Amino acid sequence: MTKQALIVFLISLLLTLGACSTSTKQMPGDVISDDYEGGDVSIEDGAQTSGLEGEGGLSMGTLNDVIAQSGNVVYFDYNSAEIRDESMPLIMAAAELLSANPAAQLRLEGHADERGTREFNLALGEQRAQTVRDIIMLQGVSGNQLDIVSYGEEKPAVVGSGEESWQQNRRVEIIQ
């Protein structure tokens, strides 16, 4: 199995397992909301698209709705580019927006905390943004609609040394 095929398989497995999960992890500042309901949702230009409905009636709102509720940031564990379960609604809302609006584009900005060399952190930030991009593209979105940039440790969300700061700097920001 090639490395690329393995990555696609692992991402698919992660999505499948994430859909079955009932628990979420919470980061400081995250908002957990249970007000998703099944049905159609509207996208910014008025187009309608069906929500993702599962056992719990989970439906994704517009990207702006999800950003308003929980922000535009996908957080990562130390030295990892693995997507956390709580980030999936944001990523799926971004995919829905792009699917419904083929002319729309998003920028995925990858970041890392201050630990590690500059080169390592730039590569890790890019790998994190690429992972988010891969999941969005698995939903049928064209790669031309997504731009990736890595800032590594250069643009911290929180300045400081310590786990509280570092966990907020390990992120990908989804920018419209």
N, C-alpha and C. Protein backbone atom coordinates (compact mmCIF):
# COMPACT_ATOMS: atom_id res chain seq x y z
N MET A 1 0.85 -1.17 0.00
CA MET A 1 0.00 0.00 0.00
C MET A 1 0.90 1.23 0.00
N THR A 2 0.63 2.18 -0.90
CA THR A 2 1.45 3.38 -0.97
C THR A 2 1.16 4.28 0.21
N LYS A 3 2.07 5.19 0.46
CA LYS A 3 1.92 6.10 1.58
C LYS A 3 0.65 6.95 1.42
N GLN A 4 0.41 7.42 0.20
CA GLN A 4 -0.76 8.25 -0.06
C GLN A 4 -2.06 7.46 0.14
N ALA A 5 -2.09 6.22 -0.32
CA ALA A 5 -3.28 5.38 -0.14
C ALA A 5 -3.50 5.10 1.35
N LEU A 6 -2.41 4.91 2.09
CA LEU A 6 -2.51 4.67 3.52
C LEU A 6 -3.08 5.90 4.23
N ILE A 7 -2.63 7.08 3.84
CA ILE A 7 -3.14 8.31 4.43
C ILE A 7 -4.63 8.46 4.17
N VAL A 8 -5.06 8.22 2.93
CA VAL A 8 -6.48 8.31 2.59
C VAL A 8 -7.27 7.30 3.41
N PHE A 9 -6.75 6.07 3.54
CA PHE A 9 -7.43 5.04 4.33
C PHE A 9 -7.55 5.48 5.78
N LEU A 10 -6.46 6.01 6.36
CA LEU A 10 -6.49 6.42 7.76
C LEU A 10 -7.45 7.59 7.98
N ILE A 11 -7.49 8.53 7.06
CA ILE A 11 -8.42 9.65 7.17
C ILE A 11 -9.85 9.15 7.10
N SER A 12 -10.12 8.23 6.17
CA SER A 12 -11.47 7.65 6.06
C SER A 12 -11.85 6.92 7.35
N LEU A 13 -10.91 6.18 7.89
CA LEU A 13 -11.15 5.46 9.14
C LEU A 13 -11.43 6.44 10.27
N LEU A 14 -10.64 7.52 10.33
CA LEU A 14 -10.83 8.54 11.35
C LEU A 14 -12.21 9.17 11.24
N LEU A 15 -12.63 9.47 10.03
CA LEU A 15 -13.96 10.05 9.84
C LEU A 15 -15.05 9.09 10.28
N THR A 16 -14.89 7.81 9.95
CA THR A 16 -15.88 6.81 10.34
C THR A 16 -15.94 6.67 11.85
N LEU A 17 -14.79 6.58 12.48
CA LEU A 17 -14.77 6.44 13.94
C LEU A 17 -15.25 7.71 14.62
N GLY A 18 -14.92 8.86 14.05
CA GLY A 18 -15.37 10.12 14.60
C GLY A 18 -16.87 10.26 14.55
N ALA A 19 -17.49 9.73 13.52
CA ALA A 19 -18.94 9.80 13.40
C ALA A 19 -19.62 8.93 14.45
N CYS A 20 -18.93 7.91 14.93
CA CYS A 20 -19.50 7.01 15.93
C CYS A 20 -19.26 7.51 17.35
N SER A 21 -18.40 8.46 17.51
CA SER A 21 -18.03 8.93 18.84
C SER A 21 -19.17 9.72 19.48
N THR A 22 -19.29 9.57 20.79
CA THR A 22 -20.31 10.32 21.52
C THR A 22 -19.70 11.33 22.47
N SER A 23 -18.40 11.28 22.64
CA SER A 23 -17.77 12.23 23.55
C SER A 23 -16.95 13.23 22.76
N THR A 24 -16.76 14.40 23.34
CA THR A 24 -15.93 15.42 22.72
C THR A 24 -14.92 15.91 23.73
N LYS A 25 -13.79 16.35 23.22
CA LYS A 25 -12.78 16.95 24.07
C LYS A 25 -13.00 18.44 24.01
N GLN A 26 -12.72 19.15 25.07
CA GLN A 26 -12.93 20.58 25.08
C GLN A 26 -11.63 21.28 25.40
N MET A 27 -11.34 22.30 24.61
CA MET A 27 -10.17 23.13 24.84
C MET A 27 -10.64 24.38 25.57
N PRO A 28 -9.75 25.05 26.28
CA PRO A 28 -10.15 26.31 26.91
C PRO A 28 -10.68 27.27 25.86
N GLY A 29 -11.82 27.86 26.12
CA GLY A 29 -12.40 28.81 25.18
C GLY A 29 -13.34 28.18 24.17
N ASP A 30 -13.35 26.84 24.05
CA ASP A 30 -14.26 26.18 23.12
C ASP A 30 -15.68 26.27 23.64
N VAL A 31 -16.61 26.32 22.72
CA VAL A 31 -18.03 26.32 23.07
C VAL A 31 -18.61 25.02 22.56
N ILE A 32 -19.20 24.24 23.44
CA ILE A 32 -19.86 23.00 23.05
C ILE A 32 -21.34 23.31 22.94
N SER A 33 -21.92 23.00 21.79
CA SER A 33 -23.32 23.31 21.56
C SER A 33 -24.07 22.06 21.14
N ASP A 34 -25.26 21.87 21.69
CA ASP A 34 -26.10 20.74 21.33
C ASP A 34 -27.30 21.18 20.50
N ASP A 35 -27.24 22.36 19.86
CA ASP A 35 -28.41 22.85 19.18
C ASP A 35 -28.42 22.55 17.68
N TYR A 36 -27.63 21.59 17.22
CA TYR A 36 -27.72 21.16 15.83
C TYR A 36 -28.99 20.34 15.65
N GLU A 37 -29.71 20.58 14.58
CA GLU A 37 -30.90 19.80 14.29
C GLU A 37 -30.84 19.35 12.85
N GLY A 38 -31.54 18.27 12.53
CA GLY A 38 -31.56 17.76 11.16
C GLY A 38 -32.29 18.70 10.24
N GLY A 39 -32.08 18.51 8.93
CA GLY A 39 -32.80 19.30 7.94
C GLY A 39 -31.88 20.04 7.02
N ASP A 40 -32.48 20.94 6.24
CA ASP A 40 -31.71 21.71 5.28
C ASP A 40 -31.08 22.92 5.97
N VAL A 41 -29.94 23.33 5.47
CA VAL A 41 -29.28 24.52 5.96
C VAL A 41 -29.00 25.41 4.78
N SER A 42 -28.94 26.71 5.01
CA SER A 42 -28.66 27.60 3.90
C SER A 42 -27.21 28.02 3.92
N ILE A 43 -26.68 28.22 2.74
CA ILE A 43 -25.32 28.69 2.56
C ILE A 43 -25.41 30.18 2.28
N GLU A 44 -24.30 30.91 2.44
CA GLU A 44 -24.30 32.36 2.37
C GLU A 44 -25.06 32.94 1.17
N ASP A 45 -24.93 32.36 -0.03
CA ASP A 45 -25.58 32.94 -1.20
C ASP A 45 -27.03 32.50 -1.35
N GLY A 46 -27.58 31.82 -0.36
CA GLY A 46 -28.97 31.41 -0.40
C GLY A 46 -29.18 30.00 -0.92
N ALA A 47 -28.13 29.34 -1.42
CA ALA A 47 -28.28 27.97 -1.90
C ALA A 47 -28.59 27.07 -0.71
N GLN A 48 -29.35 26.01 -0.94
CA GLN A 48 -29.70 25.07 0.11
C GLN A 48 -28.91 23.79 -0.06
N THR A 49 -28.56 23.19 1.04
CA THR A 49 -27.90 21.89 1.01
C THR A 49 -28.37 21.09 2.20
N SER A 50 -28.46 19.80 2.05
CA SER A 50 -28.91 18.96 3.16
C SER A 50 -27.83 18.86 4.21
N GLY A 51 -28.25 18.83 5.46
CA GLY A 51 -27.30 18.67 6.55
C GLY A 51 -26.88 17.23 6.68
N LEU A 52 -25.81 16.99 7.40
CA LEU A 52 -25.35 15.64 7.68
C LEU A 52 -26.14 15.14 8.86
N GLU A 53 -26.94 14.13 8.66
CA GLU A 53 -27.78 13.63 9.73
C GLU A 53 -27.34 12.24 10.13
N GLY A 54 -27.18 12.03 11.41
CA GLY A 54 -26.78 10.72 11.91
C GLY A 54 -27.74 10.30 13.00
N GLU A 55 -27.31 9.38 13.82
CA GLU A 55 -28.18 8.87 14.88
C GLU A 55 -28.67 9.98 15.79
N GLY A 56 -27.82 10.94 16.09
CA GLY A 56 -28.22 12.01 16.99
C GLY A 56 -28.86 13.18 16.29
N GLY A 57 -29.18 13.07 14.99
CA GLY A 57 -29.79 14.16 14.26
C GLY A 57 -28.81 15.29 14.00
N LEU A 58 -27.52 15.01 13.89
CA LEU A 58 -26.51 16.03 13.70
C LEU A 58 -26.61 16.62 12.32
N SER A 59 -26.68 17.91 12.23
CA SER A 59 -26.73 18.62 10.97
C SER A 59 -25.76 19.78 11.04
N MET A 60 -25.01 20.00 9.99
CA MET A 60 -24.05 21.09 9.96
C MET A 60 -24.75 22.37 9.50
N GLY A 61 -24.52 23.46 10.19
CA GLY A 61 -25.03 24.74 9.75
C GLY A 61 -24.09 25.33 8.72
N THR A 62 -24.30 26.60 8.40
CA THR A 62 -23.39 27.26 7.49
C THR A 62 -22.05 27.42 8.19
N LEU A 63 -21.03 27.65 7.40
CA LEU A 63 -19.70 27.84 7.98
C LEU A 63 -19.72 29.01 8.95
N ASN A 64 -20.42 30.09 8.59
CA ASN A 64 -20.49 31.24 9.49
C ASN A 64 -21.19 30.89 10.80
N ASP A 65 -22.23 30.04 10.75
CA ASP A 65 -22.92 29.61 11.97
C ASP A 65 -21.97 28.84 12.88
N VAL A 66 -21.22 27.91 12.28
CA VAL A 66 -20.30 27.10 13.07
C VAL A 66 -19.19 27.97 13.64
N ILE A 67 -18.66 28.89 12.83
CA ILE A 67 -17.62 29.80 13.31
C ILE A 67 -18.14 30.66 14.45
N ALA A 68 -19.38 31.14 14.33
CA ALA A 68 -19.97 31.97 15.40
C ALA A 68 -20.10 31.19 16.69
N GLN A 69 -20.39 29.89 16.59
CA GLN A 69 -20.58 29.07 17.79
C GLN A 69 -19.26 28.61 18.40
N SER A 70 -18.31 28.22 17.57
CA SER A 70 -17.11 27.62 18.16
C SER A 70 -15.80 28.11 17.55
N GLY A 71 -15.84 29.11 16.70
CA GLY A 71 -14.62 29.67 16.14
C GLY A 71 -14.21 29.01 14.83
N ASN A 72 -13.18 29.51 14.23
CA ASN A 72 -12.70 29.01 12.94
C ASN A 72 -11.39 28.24 13.07
N VAL A 73 -11.14 27.68 14.24
CA VAL A 73 -9.84 27.08 14.52
C VAL A 73 -9.98 25.58 14.79
N VAL A 74 -9.08 24.82 14.15
CA VAL A 74 -8.94 23.39 14.38
C VAL A 74 -7.69 23.23 15.25
N TYR A 75 -7.85 22.65 16.45
CA TYR A 75 -6.72 22.48 17.36
C TYR A 75 -6.12 21.08 17.24
N PHE A 76 -4.83 20.98 17.60
CA PHE A 76 -4.08 19.73 17.47
C PHE A 76 -3.34 19.42 18.76
N ASP A 77 -3.06 18.15 18.96
CA ASP A 77 -2.23 17.73 20.07
C ASP A 77 -0.77 17.99 19.74
N TYR A 78 0.08 17.92 20.75
CA TYR A 78 1.51 18.14 20.60
C TYR A 78 2.10 17.22 19.53
N ASN A 79 2.85 17.80 18.60
CA ASN A 79 3.57 17.07 17.57
C ASN A 79 2.65 16.16 16.75
N SER A 80 1.42 16.60 16.51
CA SER A 80 0.44 15.79 15.81
C SER A 80 -0.29 16.60 14.76
N ALA A 81 -0.69 15.91 13.69
CA ALA A 81 -1.54 16.50 12.66
C ALA A 81 -2.87 15.74 12.58
N GLU A 82 -3.20 15.00 13.65
CA GLU A 82 -4.43 14.22 13.69
C GLU A 82 -5.60 15.11 14.12
N ILE A 83 -6.70 15.00 13.37
CA ILE A 83 -7.88 15.82 13.63
C ILE A 83 -8.62 15.29 14.86
N ARG A 84 -9.00 16.20 15.74
CA ARG A 84 -9.80 15.85 16.91
C ARG A 84 -11.27 15.80 16.53
N ASP A 85 -12.04 15.00 17.23
CA ASP A 85 -13.47 14.85 16.96
C ASP A 85 -14.22 16.17 16.98
N GLU A 86 -13.91 17.05 17.94
CA GLU A 86 -14.66 18.29 18.06
C GLU A 86 -14.43 19.26 16.91
N SER A 87 -13.43 19.00 16.08
CA SER A 87 -13.15 19.87 14.94
C SER A 87 -13.93 19.48 13.70
N MET A 88 -14.53 18.30 13.69
CA MET A 88 -15.21 17.81 12.49
C MET A 88 -16.39 18.68 12.05
N PRO A 89 -17.24 19.22 12.96
CA PRO A 89 -18.33 20.09 12.48
C PRO A 89 -17.82 21.30 11.69
N LEU A 90 -16.74 21.91 12.14
CA LEU A 90 -16.16 23.05 11.43
C LEU A 90 -15.64 22.62 10.06
N ILE A 91 -14.91 21.52 10.00
CA ILE A 91 -14.34 21.05 8.74
C ILE A 91 -15.44 20.66 7.76
N MET A 92 -16.48 19.98 8.25
CA MET A 92 -17.58 19.57 7.38
C MET A 92 -18.39 20.77 6.90
N ALA A 93 -18.56 21.78 7.74
CA ALA A 93 -19.26 23.00 7.32
C ALA A 93 -18.46 23.71 6.23
N ALA A 94 -17.14 23.72 6.36
CA ALA A 94 -16.29 24.31 5.32
C ALA A 94 -16.45 23.54 4.01
N ALA A 95 -16.49 22.22 4.09
CA ALA A 95 -16.67 21.38 2.89
C ALA A 95 -18.02 21.65 2.25
N GLU A 96 -19.08 21.77 3.06
CA GLU A 96 -20.42 22.06 2.53
C GLU A 96 -20.45 23.41 1.83
N LEU A 97 -19.82 24.42 2.44
CA LEU A 97 -19.77 25.75 1.83
C LEU A 97 -19.11 25.68 0.46
N LEU A 98 -17.96 25.02 0.39
CA LEU A 98 -17.22 24.94 -0.87
C LEU A 98 -17.96 24.09 -1.91
N SER A 99 -18.62 23.03 -1.48
CA SER A 99 -19.38 22.18 -2.41
C SER A 99 -20.54 22.95 -3.02
N ALA A 100 -21.21 23.74 -2.20
CA ALA A 100 -22.38 24.50 -2.68
C ALA A 100 -21.99 25.74 -3.47
N ASN A 101 -20.75 26.18 -3.31
CA ASN A 101 -20.28 27.40 -3.97
C ASN A 101 -18.94 27.13 -4.66
N PRO A 102 -18.96 26.58 -5.88
CA PRO A 102 -17.71 26.21 -6.55
C PRO A 102 -16.73 27.36 -6.77
N ALA A 103 -17.22 28.60 -6.73
CA ALA A 103 -16.32 29.75 -6.92
C ALA A 103 -15.69 30.19 -5.59
N ALA A 104 -16.19 29.68 -4.48
CA ALA A 104 -15.67 30.08 -3.16
C ALA A 104 -14.30 29.46 -2.91
N GLN A 105 -13.51 30.16 -2.11
CA GLN A 105 -12.19 29.67 -1.73
C GLN A 105 -11.97 29.89 -0.25
N LEU A 106 -11.19 29.01 0.34
CA LEU A 106 -10.79 29.15 1.74
C LEU A 106 -9.28 29.02 1.82
N ARG A 107 -8.71 29.69 2.82
CA ARG A 107 -7.28 29.57 3.10
C ARG A 107 -7.13 28.82 4.42
N LEU A 108 -6.28 27.82 4.43
CA LEU A 108 -6.00 27.03 5.63
C LEU A 108 -4.62 27.43 6.13
N GLU A 109 -4.57 28.07 7.29
CA GLU A 109 -3.32 28.57 7.84
C GLU A 109 -2.86 27.65 8.97
N GLY A 110 -1.75 26.95 8.75
CA GLY A 110 -1.21 26.02 9.73
C GLY A 110 -0.24 26.69 10.68
N HIS A 111 -0.33 26.31 11.95
CA HIS A 111 0.52 26.90 13.00
C HIS A 111 1.04 25.81 13.92
N ALA A 112 2.10 26.14 14.65
CA ALA A 112 2.69 25.23 15.64
C ALA A 112 3.07 26.05 16.87
N ASP A 113 3.32 25.37 17.97
CA ASP A 113 3.80 26.10 19.14
C ASP A 113 5.29 26.36 18.98
N GLU A 114 5.89 27.01 19.95
CA GLU A 114 7.27 27.48 19.83
C GLU A 114 8.33 26.39 19.98
N ARG A 115 7.92 25.20 20.42
CA ARG A 115 8.90 24.13 20.60
C ARG A 115 9.28 23.56 19.24
N GLY A 116 10.51 23.13 19.10
CA GLY A 116 11.00 22.59 17.83
C GLY A 116 11.70 23.67 17.03
N THR A 117 12.40 23.23 16.00
CA THR A 117 13.11 24.19 15.16
C THR A 117 12.13 24.92 14.25
N ARG A 118 12.57 26.03 13.71
CA ARG A 118 11.73 26.80 12.80
C ARG A 118 11.29 25.95 11.61
N GLU A 119 12.21 25.20 11.05
CA GLU A 119 11.91 24.36 9.89
C GLU A 119 10.91 23.26 10.23
N PHE A 120 11.12 22.63 11.39
CA PHE A 120 10.20 21.57 11.82
C PHE A 120 8.79 22.13 12.01
N ASN A 121 8.69 23.29 12.65
CA ASN A 121 7.38 23.88 12.91
C ASN A 121 6.68 24.34 11.63
N LEU A 122 7.44 24.84 10.67
CA LEU A 122 6.84 25.18 9.37
C LEU A 122 6.29 23.93 8.69
N ALA A 123 7.05 22.84 8.73
CA ALA A 123 6.60 21.58 8.13
C ALA A 123 5.37 21.03 8.86
N LEU A 124 5.37 21.11 10.19
CA LEU A 124 4.24 20.62 10.97
C LEU A 124 2.98 21.45 10.71
N GLY A 125 3.14 22.77 10.63
CA GLY A 125 2.00 23.63 10.31
C GLY A 125 1.42 23.30 8.94
N GLU A 126 2.30 23.03 7.98
CA GLU A 126 1.84 22.66 6.64
C GLU A 126 1.15 21.29 6.66
N GLN A 127 1.71 20.35 7.41
CA GLN A 127 1.10 19.02 7.51
C GLN A 127 -0.29 19.11 8.14
N ARG A 128 -0.46 19.94 9.14
CA ARG A 128 -1.77 20.12 9.78
C ARG A 128 -2.77 20.71 8.79
N ALA A 129 -2.37 21.74 8.07
CA ALA A 129 -3.26 22.34 7.07
C ALA A 129 -3.59 21.34 5.97
N GLN A 130 -2.61 20.53 5.56
CA GLN A 130 -2.84 19.52 4.53
C GLN A 130 -3.84 18.45 5.00
N THR A 131 -3.78 18.09 6.27
CA THR A 131 -4.72 17.11 6.81
C THR A 131 -6.15 17.65 6.74
N VAL A 132 -6.33 18.90 7.13
CA VAL A 132 -7.66 19.53 7.03
C VAL A 132 -8.10 19.57 5.57
N ARG A 133 -7.19 19.95 4.68
CA ARG A 133 -7.48 20.01 3.24
C ARG A 133 -7.90 18.64 2.72
N ASP A 134 -7.20 17.60 3.12
CA ASP A 134 -7.51 16.25 2.65
C ASP A 134 -8.92 15.83 3.05
N ILE A 135 -9.31 16.14 4.29
CA ILE A 135 -10.65 15.77 4.75
C ILE A 135 -11.71 16.55 3.96
N ILE A 136 -11.48 17.82 3.72
CA ILE A 136 -12.43 18.61 2.94
C ILE A 136 -12.53 18.05 1.52
N MET A 137 -11.41 17.69 0.93
CA MET A 137 -11.42 17.16 -0.43
C MET A 137 -12.10 15.78 -0.50
N LEU A 138 -12.04 15.00 0.58
CA LEU A 138 -12.74 13.72 0.61
C LEU A 138 -14.25 13.91 0.50
N GLN A 139 -14.73 15.11 0.76
CA GLN A 139 -16.15 15.42 0.65
C GLN A 139 -16.52 15.88 -0.75
N GLY A 140 -15.59 15.79 -1.70
CA GLY A 140 -15.87 16.12 -3.09
C GLY A 140 -15.49 17.54 -3.49
N VAL A 141 -14.80 18.26 -2.64
CA VAL A 141 -14.40 19.63 -2.93
C VAL A 141 -13.13 19.63 -3.78
N SER A 142 -13.07 20.55 -4.73
CA SER A 142 -11.90 20.69 -5.60
C SER A 142 -10.73 21.28 -4.81
N GLY A 143 -9.56 20.76 -5.04
CA GLY A 143 -8.36 21.29 -4.40
C GLY A 143 -8.06 22.73 -4.79
N ASN A 144 -8.62 23.17 -5.95
CA ASN A 144 -8.42 24.55 -6.39
C ASN A 144 -9.13 25.56 -5.49
N GLN A 145 -10.05 25.10 -4.67
CA GLN A 145 -10.79 25.99 -3.79
C GLN A 145 -10.10 26.21 -2.45
N LEU A 146 -8.98 25.53 -2.25
CA LEU A 146 -8.29 25.59 -0.96
C LEU A 146 -6.84 26.03 -1.15
N ASP A 147 -6.44 27.01 -0.37
CA ASP A 147 -5.05 27.44 -0.34
C ASP A 147 -4.48 27.09 1.02
N ILE A 148 -3.22 26.69 1.03
CA ILE A 148 -2.55 26.32 2.28
C ILE A 148 -1.36 27.23 2.48
N VAL A 149 -1.21 27.69 3.71
CA VAL A 149 -0.02 28.44 4.09
C VAL A 149 0.37 27.98 5.50
N SER A 150 1.66 27.86 5.75
CA SER A 150 2.13 27.49 7.07
C SER A 150 2.93 28.64 7.66
N TYR A 151 2.57 29.00 8.88
CA TYR A 151 3.32 30.04 9.59
C TYR A 151 4.21 29.43 10.67
N GLY A 152 4.10 28.12 10.87
CA GLY A 152 4.90 27.49 11.92
C GLY A 152 4.65 28.16 13.25
N GLU A 153 5.71 28.60 13.90
CA GLU A 153 5.60 29.25 15.21
C GLU A 153 5.56 30.77 15.10
N GLU A 154 5.58 31.30 13.88
CA GLU A 154 5.77 32.74 13.65
C GLU A 154 4.59 33.62 14.05
N LYS A 155 3.36 33.09 14.06
CA LYS A 155 2.19 33.90 14.41
C LYS A 155 1.40 33.21 15.53
N PRO A 156 1.92 33.27 16.75
CA PRO A 156 1.21 32.60 17.85
C PRO A 156 -0.12 33.29 18.16
N ALA A 157 -1.11 32.50 18.52
CA ALA A 157 -2.40 33.05 18.97
C ALA A 157 -2.24 33.62 20.37
N VAL A 158 -1.38 32.97 21.17
CA VAL A 158 -1.12 33.38 22.54
C VAL A 158 0.39 33.38 22.74
N VAL A 159 0.91 34.49 23.21
CA VAL A 159 2.34 34.58 23.48
C VAL A 159 2.60 34.07 24.89
N GLY A 160 3.60 33.21 25.01
CA GLY A 160 3.96 32.68 26.32
C GLY A 160 4.51 31.28 26.19
N SER A 161 5.17 30.85 27.24
CA SER A 161 5.71 29.50 27.29
C SER A 161 4.97 28.73 28.36
N GLY A 162 4.49 27.58 28.00
CA GLY A 162 3.72 26.75 28.91
C GLY A 162 2.57 26.12 28.15
N GLU A 163 2.07 25.03 28.69
CA GLU A 163 1.04 24.25 27.99
C GLU A 163 -0.20 25.05 27.65
N GLU A 164 -0.63 25.97 28.52
CA GLU A 164 -1.82 26.77 28.23
C GLU A 164 -1.65 27.57 26.95
N SER A 165 -0.49 28.16 26.76
CA SER A 165 -0.21 28.91 25.53
C SER A 165 0.00 27.97 24.36
N TRP A 166 0.80 26.95 24.55
CA TRP A 166 1.15 26.05 23.46
C TRP A 166 -0.07 25.39 22.84
N GLN A 167 -1.04 24.95 23.67
CA GLN A 167 -2.19 24.23 23.12
C GLN A 167 -3.05 25.14 22.24
N GLN A 168 -3.03 26.44 22.47
CA GLN A 168 -3.80 27.36 21.63
C GLN A 168 -3.04 27.74 20.36
N ASN A 169 -1.75 27.49 20.33
CA ASN A 169 -0.94 27.81 19.16
C ASN A 169 -0.83 26.64 18.18
N ARG A 170 -1.17 25.44 18.59
CA ARG A 170 -1.15 24.26 17.71
C ARG A 170 -2.49 24.22 16.98
N ARG A 171 -2.55 24.82 15.79
CA ARG A 171 -3.86 25.03 15.17
C ARG A 171 -3.77 25.19 13.66
N VAL A 172 -4.96 25.07 13.04
CA VAL A 172 -5.18 25.50 11.66
C VAL A 172 -6.36 26.44 11.70
N GLU A 173 -6.18 27.63 11.14
CA GLU A 173 -7.27 28.59 11.05
C GLU A 173 -7.87 28.49 9.65
N ILE A 174 -9.21 28.43 9.59
CA ILE A 174 -9.94 28.38 8.32
C ILE A 174 -10.42 29.79 8.04
N ILE A 175 -9.87 30.38 6.98
CA ILE A 175 -10.11 31.79 6.66
C ILE A 175 -10.90 31.90 5.35
N GLN A 176 -12.00 32.68 5.39
CA GLN A 176 -12.80 32.90 4.18
C GLN A 176 -12.21 34.01 3.35
